[in-house]
PDB file of N, CA and C in Angstrom:
ATOM      1  N   MET A   1      15.241   3.313 -27.599  1.00  0.00           N
ATOM      2  CA  MET A   1      14.277   2.756 -28.511  1.00  0.00           C
ATOM      3  C   MET A   1      14.118   1.259 -28.223  1.00  0.00           C
ATOM      4  N   LEU A   2      12.867   0.775 -28.251  1.00  0.00           N
ATOM      5  CA  LEU A   2      12.587  -0.624 -27.952  1.00  0.00           C
ATOM      6  C   LEU A   2      12.847  -1.497 -29.169  1.00  0.00           C
ATOM      7  N   ASN A   3      13.449  -2.656 -28.918  1.00  0.00           N
ATOM      8  CA  ASN A   3      13.606  -3.590 -30.032  1.00  0.00           C
ATOM      9  C   ASN A   3      12.378  -4.495 -30.095  1.00  0.00           C
ATOM     10  N   PHE A   4      12.281  -5.294 -31.116  1.00  0.00           N
ATOM     11  CA  PHE A   4      11.092  -6.105 -31.371  1.00  0.00           C
ATOM     12  C   PHE A   4      10.839  -7.112 -30.255  1.00  0.00           C
ATOM     13  N   SER A   5      11.844  -7.799 -29.765  1.00  0.00           N
ATOM     14  CA  SER A   5      11.648  -8.813 -28.719  1.00  0.00           C
ATOM     15  C   SER A   5      11.175  -8.193 -27.403  1.00  0.00           C
ATOM     16  N   THR A   6      11.668  -7.010 -27.078  1.00  0.00           N
ATOM     17  CA  THR A   6      11.210  -6.314 -25.873  1.00  0.00           C
ATOM     18  C   THR A   6       9.747  -5.930 -25.999  1.00  0.00           C
ATOM     19  N   LEU A   7       9.345  -5.488 -27.157  1.00  0.00           N
ATOM     20  CA  LEU A   7       7.958  -5.123 -27.406  1.00  0.00           C
ATOM     21  C   LEU A   7       7.046  -6.334 -27.277  1.00  0.00           C
ATOM     22  N   ILE A   8       7.462  -7.482 -27.794  1.00  0.00           N
ATOM     23  CA  ILE A   8       6.678  -8.713 -27.679  1.00  0.00           C
ATOM     24  C   ILE A   8       6.506  -9.092 -26.211  1.00  0.00           C
ATOM     25  N   VAL A   9       7.547  -9.008 -25.428  1.00  0.00           N
ATOM     26  CA  VAL A   9       7.476  -9.335 -24.001  1.00  0.00           C
ATOM     27  C   VAL A   9       6.496  -8.413 -23.289  1.00  0.00           C
ATOM     28  N   ILE A  10       6.535  -7.144 -23.579  1.00  0.00           N
ATOM     29  CA  ILE A  10       5.619  -6.185 -22.946  1.00  0.00           C
ATOM     30  C   ILE A  10       4.176  -6.511 -23.312  1.00  0.00           C
ATOM     31  N   VAL A  11       3.923  -6.809 -24.563  1.00  0.00           N
ATOM     32  CA  VAL A  11       2.562  -7.148 -25.002  1.00  0.00           C
ATOM     33  C   VAL A  11       2.080  -8.421 -24.306  1.00  0.00           C
ATOM     34  N   LEU A  12       2.917  -9.430 -24.198  1.00  0.00           N
ATOM     35  CA  LEU A  12       2.534 -10.674 -23.528  1.00  0.00           C
ATOM     36  C   LEU A  12       2.235 -10.457 -22.049  1.00  0.00           C
ATOM     37  N   ILE A  13       3.033  -9.658 -21.386  1.00  0.00           N
ATOM     38  CA  ILE A  13       2.800  -9.369 -19.966  1.00  0.00           C
ATOM     39  C   ILE A  13       1.464  -8.646 -19.788  1.00  0.00           C
ATOM     40  N   GLU A  14       1.174  -7.673 -20.615  1.00  0.00           N
ATOM     41  CA  GLU A  14      -0.102  -6.974 -20.532  1.00  0.00           C
ATOM     42  C   GLU A  14      -1.262  -7.927 -20.788  1.00  0.00           C
ATOM     43  N   PHE A  15      -1.116  -8.818 -21.746  1.00  0.00           N
ATOM     44  CA  PHE A  15      -2.166  -9.787 -22.048  1.00  0.00           C
ATOM     45  C   PHE A  15      -2.450 -10.681 -20.852  1.00  0.00           C
ATOM     46  N   VAL A  16      -1.410 -11.164 -20.207  1.00  0.00           N
ATOM     47  CA  VAL A  16      -1.579 -12.039 -19.043  1.00  0.00           C
ATOM     48  C   VAL A  16      -2.301 -11.307 -17.915  1.00  0.00           C
ATOM     49  N   PHE A  17      -1.900 -10.089 -17.619  1.00  0.00           N
ATOM     50  CA  PHE A  17      -2.546  -9.338 -16.544  1.00  0.00           C
ATOM     51  C   PHE A  17      -3.994  -9.003 -16.865  1.00  0.00           C
ATOM     52  N   LEU A  18      -4.286  -8.623 -18.085  1.00  0.00           N
ATOM     53  CA  LEU A  18      -5.661  -8.314 -18.464  1.00  0.00           C
ATOM     54  C   LEU A  18      -6.528  -9.559 -18.459  1.00  0.00           C
ATOM     55  N   SER A  19      -5.997 -10.676 -18.892  1.00  0.00           N
ATOM     56  CA  SER A  19      -6.763 -11.916 -18.883  1.00  0.00           C
ATOM     57  C   SER A  19      -7.089 -12.341 -17.465  1.00  0.00           C
ATOM     58  N   ALA A  20      -6.140 -12.228 -16.572  1.00  0.00           N
ATOM     59  CA  ALA A  20      -6.366 -12.614 -15.179  1.00  0.00           C
ATOM     60  C   ALA A  20      -7.380 -11.707 -14.512  1.00  0.00           C
ATOM     61  N   ALA A  21      -7.401 -10.450 -14.870  1.00  0.00           N
ATOM     62  CA  ALA A  21      -8.317  -9.502 -14.235  1.00  0.00           C
ATOM     63  C   ALA A  21      -9.736  -9.634 -14.747  1.00  0.00           C
ATOM     64  N   THR A  22      -9.938 -10.127 -15.958  1.00  0.00           N
ATOM     65  CA  THR A  22     -11.280 -10.158 -16.532  1.00  0.00           C
ATOM     66  C   THR A  22     -11.919 -11.526 -16.538  1.00  0.00           C
ATOM     67  N   SER A  23     -11.187 -12.590 -16.293  1.00  0.00           N
ATOM     68  CA  SER A  23     -11.786 -13.917 -16.318  1.00  0.00           C
ATOM     69  C   SER A  23     -11.720 -14.536 -14.935  1.00  0.00           C
ATOM     70  N   ASP A  24     -12.847 -14.616 -14.276  1.00  0.00           N
ATOM     71  CA  ASP A  24     -12.914 -15.198 -12.945  1.00  0.00           C
ATOM     72  C   ASP A  24     -13.713 -16.489 -13.031  1.00  0.00           C
ATOM     73  N   PRO A  25     -13.147 -17.625 -12.641  1.00  0.00           N
ATOM     74  CA  PRO A  25     -13.829 -18.902 -12.795  1.00  0.00           C
ATOM     75  C   PRO A  25     -15.040 -19.086 -11.896  1.00  0.00           C
ATOM     76  N   ASN A  26     -15.218 -18.269 -10.898  1.00  0.00           N
ATOM     77  CA  ASN A  26     -16.323 -18.471  -9.979  1.00  0.00           C
ATOM     78  C   ASN A  26     -17.410 -17.412 -10.080  1.00  0.00           C
ATOM     79  N   LEU A  27     -17.565 -16.821 -11.253  1.00  0.00           N
ATOM     80  CA  LEU A  27     -18.708 -15.952 -11.480  1.00  0.00           C
ATOM     81  C   LEU A  27     -19.882 -16.844 -11.840  1.00  0.00           C
ATOM     82  N   CYS A  28     -20.996 -16.690 -11.131  1.00  0.00           N
ATOM     83  CA  CYS A  28     -22.125 -17.604 -11.300  1.00  0.00           C
ATOM     84  C   CYS A  28     -23.041 -17.223 -12.462  1.00  0.00           C
ATOM     85  N   ASP A  29     -23.275 -15.953 -12.649  1.00  0.00           N
ATOM     86  CA  ASP A  29     -24.226 -15.517 -13.665  1.00  0.00           C
ATOM     87  C   ASP A  29     -23.508 -14.848 -14.836  1.00  0.00           C
ATOM     88  N   LYS A  30     -24.211 -14.749 -15.954  1.00  0.00           N
ATOM     89  CA  LYS A  30     -23.612 -14.171 -17.164  1.00  0.00           C
ATOM     90  C   LYS A  30     -23.279 -12.695 -16.996  1.00  0.00           C
ATOM     91  N   LYS A  31     -24.022 -11.997 -16.151  1.00  0.00           N
ATOM     92  CA  LYS A  31     -23.764 -10.570 -15.934  1.00  0.00           C
ATOM     93  C   LYS A  31     -22.555 -10.337 -15.026  1.00  0.00           C
ATOM     94  N   GLY A  32     -22.122 -11.355 -14.330  1.00  0.00           N
ATOM     95  CA  GLY A  32     -20.970 -11.226 -13.447  1.00  0.00           C
ATOM     96  C   GLY A  32     -21.282 -10.501 -12.155  1.00  0.00           C
ATOM     97  N   THR A  33     -22.542 -10.582 -11.705  1.00  0.00           N
ATOM     98  CA  THR A  33     -22.927  -9.885 -10.484  1.00  0.00           C
ATOM     99  C   THR A  33     -22.894 -10.783  -9.245  1.00  0.00           C
ATOM    100  N   ILE A  34     -22.873 -12.099  -9.460  1.00  0.00           N
ATOM    101  CA  ILE A  34     -22.867 -13.036  -8.339  1.00  0.00           C
ATOM    102  C   ILE A  34     -21.601 -13.876  -8.423  1.00  0.00           C
ATOM    103  N   GLN A  35     -20.866 -13.923  -7.323  1.00  0.00           N
ATOM    104  CA  GLN A  35     -19.603 -14.640  -7.305  1.00  0.00           C
ATOM    105  C   GLN A  35     -19.473 -15.430  -6.013  1.00  0.00           C
ATOM    106  N   CYS A  36     -19.015 -16.662  -6.140  1.00  0.00           N
ATOM    107  CA  CYS A  36     -18.740 -17.487  -4.972  1.00  0.00           C
ATOM    108  C   CYS A  36     -17.241 -17.483  -4.718  1.00  0.00           C
ATOM    109  N   GLU A  37     -16.865 -17.890  -3.521  1.00  0.00           N
ATOM    110  CA  GLU A  37     -15.449 -18.015  -3.186  1.00  0.00           C
ATOM    111  C   GLU A  37     -14.834 -19.130  -4.025  1.00  0.00           C
ATOM    112  N   LEU A  38     -13.515 -19.130  -4.148  1.00  0.00           N
ATOM    113  CA  LEU A  38     -12.833 -20.119  -4.984  1.00  0.00           C
ATOM    114  C   LEU A  38     -13.059 -21.553  -4.515  1.00  0.00           C
ATOM    115  N   HIS A  39     -13.296 -21.764  -3.216  1.00  0.00           N
ATOM    116  CA  HIS A  39     -13.500 -23.106  -2.689  1.00  0.00           C
ATOM    117  C   HIS A  39     -14.972 -23.519  -2.697  1.00  0.00           C
ATOM    118  N   GLU A  40     -15.844 -22.708  -3.286  1.00  0.00           N
ATOM    119  CA  GLU A  40     -17.275 -22.981  -3.323  1.00  0.00           C
ATOM    120  C   GLU A  40     -17.720 -23.312  -4.752  1.00  0.00           C
ATOM    121  N   THR A  41     -18.959 -23.790  -4.870  1.00  0.00           N
ATOM    122  CA  THR A  41     -19.566 -24.111  -6.152  1.00  0.00           C
ATOM    123  C   THR A  41     -20.825 -23.280  -6.326  1.00  0.00           C
ATOM    124  N   CYS A  42     -21.015 -22.699  -7.505  1.00  0.00           N
ATOM    125  CA  CYS A  42     -22.232 -21.945  -7.804  1.00  0.00           C
ATOM    126  C   CYS A  42     -23.377 -22.915  -8.062  1.00  0.00           C
ATOM    127  N   CYS A  43     -24.494 -22.729  -7.371  1.00  0.00           N
ATOM    128  CA  CYS A  43     -25.679 -23.562  -7.575  1.00  0.00           C
ATOM    129  C   CYS A  43     -26.862 -22.666  -7.911  1.00  0.00           C
ATOM    130  N   PRO A  44     -27.687 -23.088  -8.892  1.00  0.00           N
ATOM    131  CA  PRO A  44     -28.858 -22.284  -9.239  1.00  0.00           C
ATOM    132  C   PRO A  44     -29.891 -22.309  -8.122  1.00  0.00           C
ATOM    133  N   GLY A  45     -30.519 -21.158  -7.895  1.00  0.00           N
ATOM    134  CA  GLY A  45     -31.567 -21.045  -6.898  1.00  0.00           C
ATOM    135  C   GLY A  45     -32.890 -20.703  -7.546  1.00  0.00           C
ATOM    136  N   LYS A  46     -33.855 -20.353  -6.770  1.00  0.00           N
ATOM    137  CA  LYS A  46     -35.179 -20.014  -7.283  1.00  0.00           C
ATOM    138  C   LYS A  46     -35.137 -18.713  -8.065  1.00  0.00           C
ATOM    139  N   GLY A  47     -35.933 -18.645  -9.120  1.00  0.00           N
ATOM    140  CA  GLY A  47     -36.109 -17.399  -9.867  1.00  0.00           C
ATOM    141  C   GLY A  47     -34.855 -16.858 -10.521  1.00  0.00           C
ATOM    142  N   GLY A  48     -33.962 -17.729 -10.946  1.00  0.00           N
ATOM    143  CA  GLY A  48     -32.751 -17.272 -11.612  1.00  0.00           C
ATOM    144  C   GLY A  48     -31.653 -16.783 -10.686  1.00  0.00           C
ATOM    145  N   THR A  49     -31.826 -16.988  -9.392  1.00  0.00           N
ATOM    146  CA  THR A  49     -30.790 -16.597  -8.437  1.00  0.00           C
ATOM    147  C   THR A  49     -29.748 -17.711  -8.326  1.00  0.00           C
ATOM    148  N   PHE A  50     -28.688 -17.439  -7.606  1.00  0.00           N
ATOM    149  CA  PHE A  50     -27.645 -18.434  -7.378  1.00  0.00           C
ATOM    150  C   PHE A  50     -27.284 -18.458  -5.910  1.00  0.00           C
ATOM    151  N   LYS A  51     -26.864 -19.621  -5.448  1.00  0.00           N
ATOM    152  CA  LYS A  51     -26.372 -19.784  -4.082  1.00  0.00           C
ATOM    153  C   LYS A  51     -24.979 -20.384  -4.154  1.00  0.00           C
ATOM    154  N   CYS A  52     -24.205 -20.157  -3.120  1.00  0.00           N
ATOM    155  CA  CYS A  52     -22.851 -20.698  -3.061  1.00  0.00           C
ATOM    156  C   CYS A  52     -22.842 -21.949  -2.192  1.00  0.00           C
ATOM    157  N   CYS A  53     -22.509 -23.062  -2.804  1.00  0.00           N
ATOM    158  CA  CYS A  53     -22.360 -24.327  -2.088  1.00  0.00           C
ATOM    159  C   CYS A  53     -20.990 -24.304  -1.417  1.00  0.00           C
ATOM    160  N   PRO A  54     -20.894 -24.681  -0.147  1.00  0.00           N
ATOM    161  CA  PRO A  54     -19.614 -24.563   0.557  1.00  0.00           C
ATOM    162  C   PRO A  54     -18.566 -25.591   0.145  1.00  0.00           C
ATOM    163  N   TYR A  55     -18.891 -26.468  -0.831  1.00  0.00           N
ATOM    164  CA  TYR A  55     -17.948 -27.504  -1.249  1.00  0.00           C
ATOM    165  C   TYR A  55     -17.352 -27.171  -2.617  1.00  0.00           C
ATOM    166  N   PHE A  56     -16.058 -27.383  -2.756  1.00  0.00           N
ATOM    167  CA  PHE A  56     -15.408 -27.262  -4.051  1.00  0.00           C
ATOM    168  C   PHE A  56     -15.871 -28.430  -4.910  1.00  0.00           C
ATOM    169  N   ARG A  57     -16.375 -28.132  -6.075  1.00  0.00           N
ATOM    170  CA  ARG A  57     -16.942 -29.142  -6.989  1.00  0.00           C
ATOM    171  C   ARG A  57     -18.083 -29.901  -6.338  1.00  0.00           C
ATOM    172  N   GLY A  58     -18.902 -29.174  -5.561  1.00  0.00           N
ATOM    173  CA  GLY A  58     -20.061 -29.787  -4.930  1.00  0.00           C
ATOM    174  C   GLY A  58     -21.136 -30.114  -5.947  1.00  0.00           C
ATOM    175  N   ASN A  59     -22.081 -30.957  -5.554  1.00  0.00           N
ATOM    176  CA  ASN A  59     -23.200 -31.337  -6.408  1.00  0.00           C
ATOM    177  C   ASN A  59     -24.447 -30.619  -5.933  1.00  0.00           C
ATOM    178  N   CYS A  60     -24.991 -29.774  -6.783  1.00  0.00           N
ATOM    179  CA  CYS A  60     -26.186 -29.006  -6.446  1.00  0.00           C
ATOM    180  C   CYS A  60     -27.397 -29.938  -6.448  1.00  0.00           C
ATOM    181  N   CYS A  61     -28.290 -29.742  -5.473  1.00  0.00           N
ATOM    182  CA  CYS A  61     -29.442 -30.632  -5.325  1.00  0.00           C
ATOM    183  C   CYS A  61     -30.678 -30.149  -6.060  1.00  0.00           C
ATOM    184  N   GLY A  62     -30.678 -28.987  -6.616  1.00  0.00           N
ATOM    185  CA  GLY A  62     -31.846 -28.488  -7.332  1.00  0.00           C
ATOM    186  C   GLY A  62     -32.210 -27.103  -6.864  1.00  0.00           C
ATOM    187  N   GLU A  63     -32.959 -26.415  -7.710  1.00  0.00           N
ATOM    188  CA  GLU A  63     -33.283 -25.018  -7.442  1.00  0.00           C
ATOM    189  C   GLU A  63     -34.116 -24.827  -6.185  1.00  0.00           C
ATOM    190  N   SER A  64     -35.075 -25.712  -5.941  1.00  0.00           N
ATOM    191  CA  SER A  64     -35.988 -25.476  -4.818  1.00  0.00           C
ATOM    192  C   SER A  64     -35.399 -25.869  -3.470  1.00  0.00           C
ATOM    193  N   SER A  65     -34.391 -26.743  -3.459  1.00  0.00           N
ATOM    194  CA  SER A  65     -33.907 -27.241  -2.176  1.00  0.00           C
ATOM    195  C   SER A  65     -32.916 -26.299  -1.506  1.00  0.00           C
ATOM    196  N   GLY A  66     -32.093 -25.626  -2.298  1.00  0.00           N
ATOM    197  CA  GLY A  66     -31.050 -24.788  -1.725  1.00  0.00           C
ATOM    198  C   GLY A  66     -29.956 -25.596  -1.048  1.00  0.00           C
ATOM    199  N   MET A  67     -29.916 -26.891  -1.329  1.00  0.00           N
ATOM    200  CA  MET A  67     -28.938 -27.781  -0.710  1.00  0.00           C
ATOM    201  C   MET A  67     -27.895 -28.206  -1.739  1.00  0.00           C
ATOM    202  N   CYS A  68     -26.790 -28.717  -1.238  1.00  0.00           N
ATOM    203  CA  CYS A  68     -25.774 -29.296  -2.105  1.00  0.00           C
ATOM    204  C   CYS A  68     -25.040 -30.377  -1.317  1.00  0.00           C
ATOM    205  N   CYS A  69     -24.359 -31.233  -2.059  1.00  0.00           N
ATOM    206  CA  CYS A  69     -23.603 -32.327  -1.440  1.00  0.00           C
ATOM    207  C   CYS A  69     -22.135 -32.184  -1.806  1.00  0.00           C
ATOM    208  N   PRO A  70     -21.264 -32.739  -0.963  1.00  0.00           N
ATOM    209  CA  PRO A  70     -19.839 -32.698  -1.281  1.00  0.00           C
ATOM    210  C   PRO A  70     -19.533 -33.578  -2.495  1.00  0.00           C
ATOM    211  N   PRO A  71     -18.362 -33.398  -3.095  1.00  0.00           N
ATOM    212  CA  PRO A  71     -17.988 -34.246  -4.225  1.00  0.00           C
ATOM    213  C   PRO A  71     -17.993 -35.718  -3.818  1.00  0.00           C
ATOM    214  N   GLY A  72     -18.445 -36.578  -4.730  1.00  0.00           N
ATOM    215  CA  GLY A  72     -18.518 -38.006  -4.431  1.00  0.00           C
ATOM    216  C   GLY A  72     -19.828 -38.413  -3.794  1.00  0.00           C
ATOM    217  N   PHE A  73     -20.733 -37.439  -3.601  1.00  0.00           N
ATOM    218  CA  PHE A  73     -22.044 -37.714  -3.037  1.00  0.00           C
ATOM    219  C   PHE A  73     -23.112 -37.147  -3.975  1.00  0.00           C
ATOM    220  N   ARG A  74     -24.329 -37.695  -3.886  1.00  0.00           N
ATOM    221  CA  ARG A  74     -25.447 -37.160  -4.654  1.00  0.00           C
ATOM    222  C   ARG A  74     -26.607 -36.875  -3.709  1.00  0.00           C
ATOM    223  N   CYS A  75     -27.503 -36.046  -4.169  1.00  0.00           N
ATOM    224  CA  CYS A  75     -28.653 -35.664  -3.363  1.00  0.00           C
ATOM    225  C   CYS A  75     -29.720 -36.757  -3.399  1.00  0.00           C
ATOM    226  N   ILE A  76     -30.341 -37.004  -2.250  1.00  0.00           N
ATOM    227  CA  ILE A  76     -31.475 -37.918  -2.178  1.00  0.00           C
ATOM    228  C   ILE A  76     -32.594 -37.193  -1.457  1.00  0.00           C
ATOM    229  N   ASP A  77     -33.758 -37.811  -1.418  1.00  0.00           N
ATOM    230  CA  ASP A  77     -34.921 -37.182  -0.783  1.00  0.00           C
ATOM    231  C   ASP A  77     -34.635 -36.796   0.661  1.00  0.00           C
ATOM    232  N   GLY A  78     -35.293 -35.748   1.097  1.00  0.00           N
ATOM    233  CA  GLY A  78     -35.172 -35.298   2.476  1.00  0.00           C
ATOM    234  C   GLY A  78     -33.959 -34.427   2.741  1.00  0.00           C
ATOM    235  N   GLY A  79     -33.288 -33.979   1.684  1.00  0.00           N
ATOM    236  CA  GLY A  79     -32.141 -33.100   1.860  1.00  0.00           C
ATOM    237  C   GLY A  79     -30.890 -33.796   2.356  1.00  0.00           C
ATOM    238  N   ASN A  80     -30.815 -35.099   2.135  1.00  0.00           N
ATOM    239  CA  ASN A  80     -29.648 -35.857   2.558  1.00  0.00           C
ATOM    240  C   ASN A  80     -28.748 -36.150   1.366  1.00  0.00           C
ATOM    241  N   CYS A  81     -27.529 -36.535   1.665  1.00  0.00           N
ATOM    242  CA  CYS A  81     -26.561 -36.876   0.631  1.00  0.00           C
ATOM    243  C   CYS A  81     -26.194 -38.353   0.771  1.00  0.00           C
ATOM    244  N   ARG A  82     -26.019 -39.012  -0.366  1.00  0.00           N
ATOM    245  CA  ARG A  82     -25.620 -40.420  -0.377  1.00  0.00           C
ATOM    246  C   ARG A  82     -24.339 -40.553  -1.186  1.00  0.00           C
ATOM    247  N   ARG A  83     -23.415 -41.354  -0.660  1.00  0.00           N
ATOM    248  CA  ARG A  83     -22.138 -41.585  -1.347  1.00  0.00           C
ATOM    249  C   ARG A  83     -22.396 -42.281  -2.679  1.00  0.00           C
ATOM    250  N   LEU A  84     -21.710 -41.812  -3.726  1.00  0.00           N
ATOM    251  CA  LEU A  84     -21.817 -42.450  -5.028  1.00  0.00           C
ATOM    252  C   LEU A  84     -21.108 -43.790  -5.001  1.00  0.00           C
ATOM    253  N   ASN A  85     -21.665 -44.754  -5.702  1.00  0.00           N
ATOM    254  CA  ASN A  85     -21.021 -46.069  -5.799  1.00  0.00           C
ATOM    255  C   ASN A  85     -19.827 -45.966  -6.731  1.00  0.00           C
ATOM    256  N   ILE A  86     -18.707 -46.443  -6.260  1.00  0.00           N
ATOM    257  CA  ILE A  86     -17.502 -46.460  -7.085  1.00  0.00           C
ATOM    258  C   ILE A  86     -17.224 -47.916  -7.422  1.00  0.00           C
ATOM    259  N   THR A  87     -17.349 -48.225  -8.707  1.00  0.00           N
ATOM    260  CA  THR A  87     -17.085 -49.596  -9.128  1.00  0.00           C
ATOM    261  C   THR A  87     -15.759 -49.654  -9.842  1.00  0.00           C
ATOM    262  N   GLY A  88     -15.073 -50.702  -9.706  1.00  0.00           N
ATOM    263  CA  GLY A  88     -13.770 -50.778 -10.341  1.00  0.00           C
ATOM    264  C   GLY A  88     -13.365 -52.144 -10.454  1.00  0.00           C
TER     265      GLY A  88
END
């Protein structure tokens, strides 16, 4: 027969496994049909679609461009990236 503390441990273990299986940080859409790799960033595309930016925490340039910049950079005209000014 299981005692109370053993039962609590079993419930906690099940909770952890179920939480890990159902919550994925890189699902792009609410339906969970589009997913990027863990090292990529989800960026909105045309018509409600999504694209995967190859940079972790990348900056998406906008729906029509399909471009993105690495962290610490922002998008400028012509599909180029410019380093953000760091003041200190």
